[in-house]
Protein backbone atom coordinates (compact mmCIF):
# COMPACT_ATOMS: atom_id res chain seq x y z
CA MET A 1 -9.85 1.69 -2.09
CA LEU A 2 -6.49 0.76 -3.64
CA ALA A 3 -8.26 -1.44 -6.21
CA GLY A 4 -10.40 1.54 -7.18
CA ILE A 5 -7.34 3.71 -7.70
CA LEU A 6 -5.49 1.06 -9.71
CA SER A 7 -8.60 0.48 -11.85
CA SER A 8 -9.36 4.15 -12.51
CA GLY A 9 -8.95 5.61 -15.96
CA ASP A 10 -6.86 8.45 -14.55
CA PHE A 11 -4.37 6.00 -13.03
CA LYS A 12 -4.19 3.96 -16.23
CA SER A 13 -3.52 7.01 -18.39
CA ARG A 14 -0.96 8.58 -16.03
CA MET A 15 0.96 5.38 -15.30
CA GLY A 16 0.62 3.76 -18.70
CA PHE A 17 -0.57 0.32 -17.61
CA ASN A 18 -3.54 -1.56 -16.26
CA PRO A 19 -2.59 -4.10 -13.57
CA ALA A 20 -4.62 -7.32 -13.55
CA LEU A 21 -5.92 -7.42 -9.98
CA GLN A 22 -6.22 -11.00 -8.78
CA GLU A 23 -5.75 -12.26 -5.24
CA VAL A 24 -3.14 -14.99 -4.92
CA GLY A 25 -1.15 -16.65 -2.15
CA ILE A 26 2.11 -15.32 -0.74
CA THR A 27 4.13 -17.84 -2.77
CA MET A 28 2.83 -16.42 -6.04
CA VAL A 29 3.19 -12.84 -4.78
CA CYS A 30 6.88 -13.52 -4.11
CA ARG A 31 7.34 -15.27 -7.47
CA ASP A 32 5.63 -12.51 -9.46
CA ALA A 33 7.49 -9.79 -7.54
CA ALA A 34 10.71 -10.96 -9.18
CA SER A 35 9.65 -8.96 -12.25
CA ARG A 36 11.06 -5.43 -11.99
CA SER A 37 8.37 -3.71 -14.07
CA PRO A 38 6.43 -0.79 -12.60
CA GLU A 39 3.21 -2.73 -13.18
CA SER A 40 4.58 -5.61 -11.10
CA ALA A 41 5.45 -3.19 -8.28
CA PHE A 42 1.89 -1.84 -8.14
CA LEU A 43 0.41 -5.33 -8.38
CA THR A 44 2.65 -6.49 -5.52
CA THR A 45 1.55 -3.49 -3.45
CA TRP A 46 -2.14 -4.26 -4.05
CA ARG A 47 -1.73 -7.95 -3.27
CA LEU A 48 0.20 -7.33 -0.06
CA ARG A 49 -2.30 -4.71 1.07
CA ASN A 50 -5.19 -7.13 0.56
CA MET A 51 -3.37 -10.01 2.17
CA LEU A 52 -2.30 -8.03 5.24
CA GLY A 53 -5.56 -6.10 5.52
CA HIS A 54 -7.94 -9.03 5.22
CA SER A 55 -6.35 -12.34 6.08
CA LEU A 56 -2.64 -12.89 6.58
CA ILE A 57 -3.04 -16.57 7.40
CA ARG A 58 -3.82 -18.15 4.04
CA GLU A 59 -0.76 -20.30 3.59
CA PRO A 60 2.57 -20.57 5.38
CA LEU A 61 4.69 -17.46 4.91
CA SER A 62 7.94 -17.72 3.01
CA LYS A 63 11.01 -18.71 4.98
CA VAL A 64 13.33 -17.29 2.32
CA PRO A 65 14.79 -13.95 3.49
CA ASP A 66 15.35 -12.84 -0.11
CA ASP A 67 11.58 -12.95 -0.69
CA TYR A 68 11.07 -10.25 1.92
CA ILE A 69 13.84 -8.11 0.44
CA THR A 70 12.21 -8.44 -2.99
CA LEU A 71 8.79 -7.46 -1.60
CA ALA A 72 10.27 -4.43 0.17
CA GLN A 73 12.04 -3.38 -3.03
CA GLN A 74 8.77 -3.63 -4.93
CA GLU A 75 7.05 -1.35 -2.40
CA ILE A 76 9.83 1.20 -2.82
CA ASN A 77 9.64 0.86 -6.61
CA ALA A 78 5.89 1.55 -6.62
CA PHE A 79 6.35 4.64 -4.46
CA LEU A 80 9.24 6.06 -6.50
CA TYR A 81 7.55 5.33 -9.83
CA SER A 82 4.45 7.18 -8.59
CA VAL A 83 6.52 10.20 -7.60
CA PHE A 84 8.34 10.15 -10.93
CA LYS A 85 5.17 9.88 -13.05
CA LEU A 86 3.14 12.39 -11.06
CA TYR A 87 5.75 15.07 -10.39
CA ALA A 88 8.47 14.78 -13.06
């Protein structure tokens, strides 16, 4: 469902980007989440949703607390960017 939304023409035109949806491990999710772009926030959201919704045990989870803070910030960024683009 989320992949369909992120791939839709309406989403692309309203948000101004087209995230490249590719499943990766948690290490790469954490590494890529360091980017503060709105596209990165949506990509992080999609990846986490797929990882948590399908199979959490793919590789050992990060033991770095800052990784979890970064992931949480990305979730907040995706939400706030959506509100800004859709209602501002």
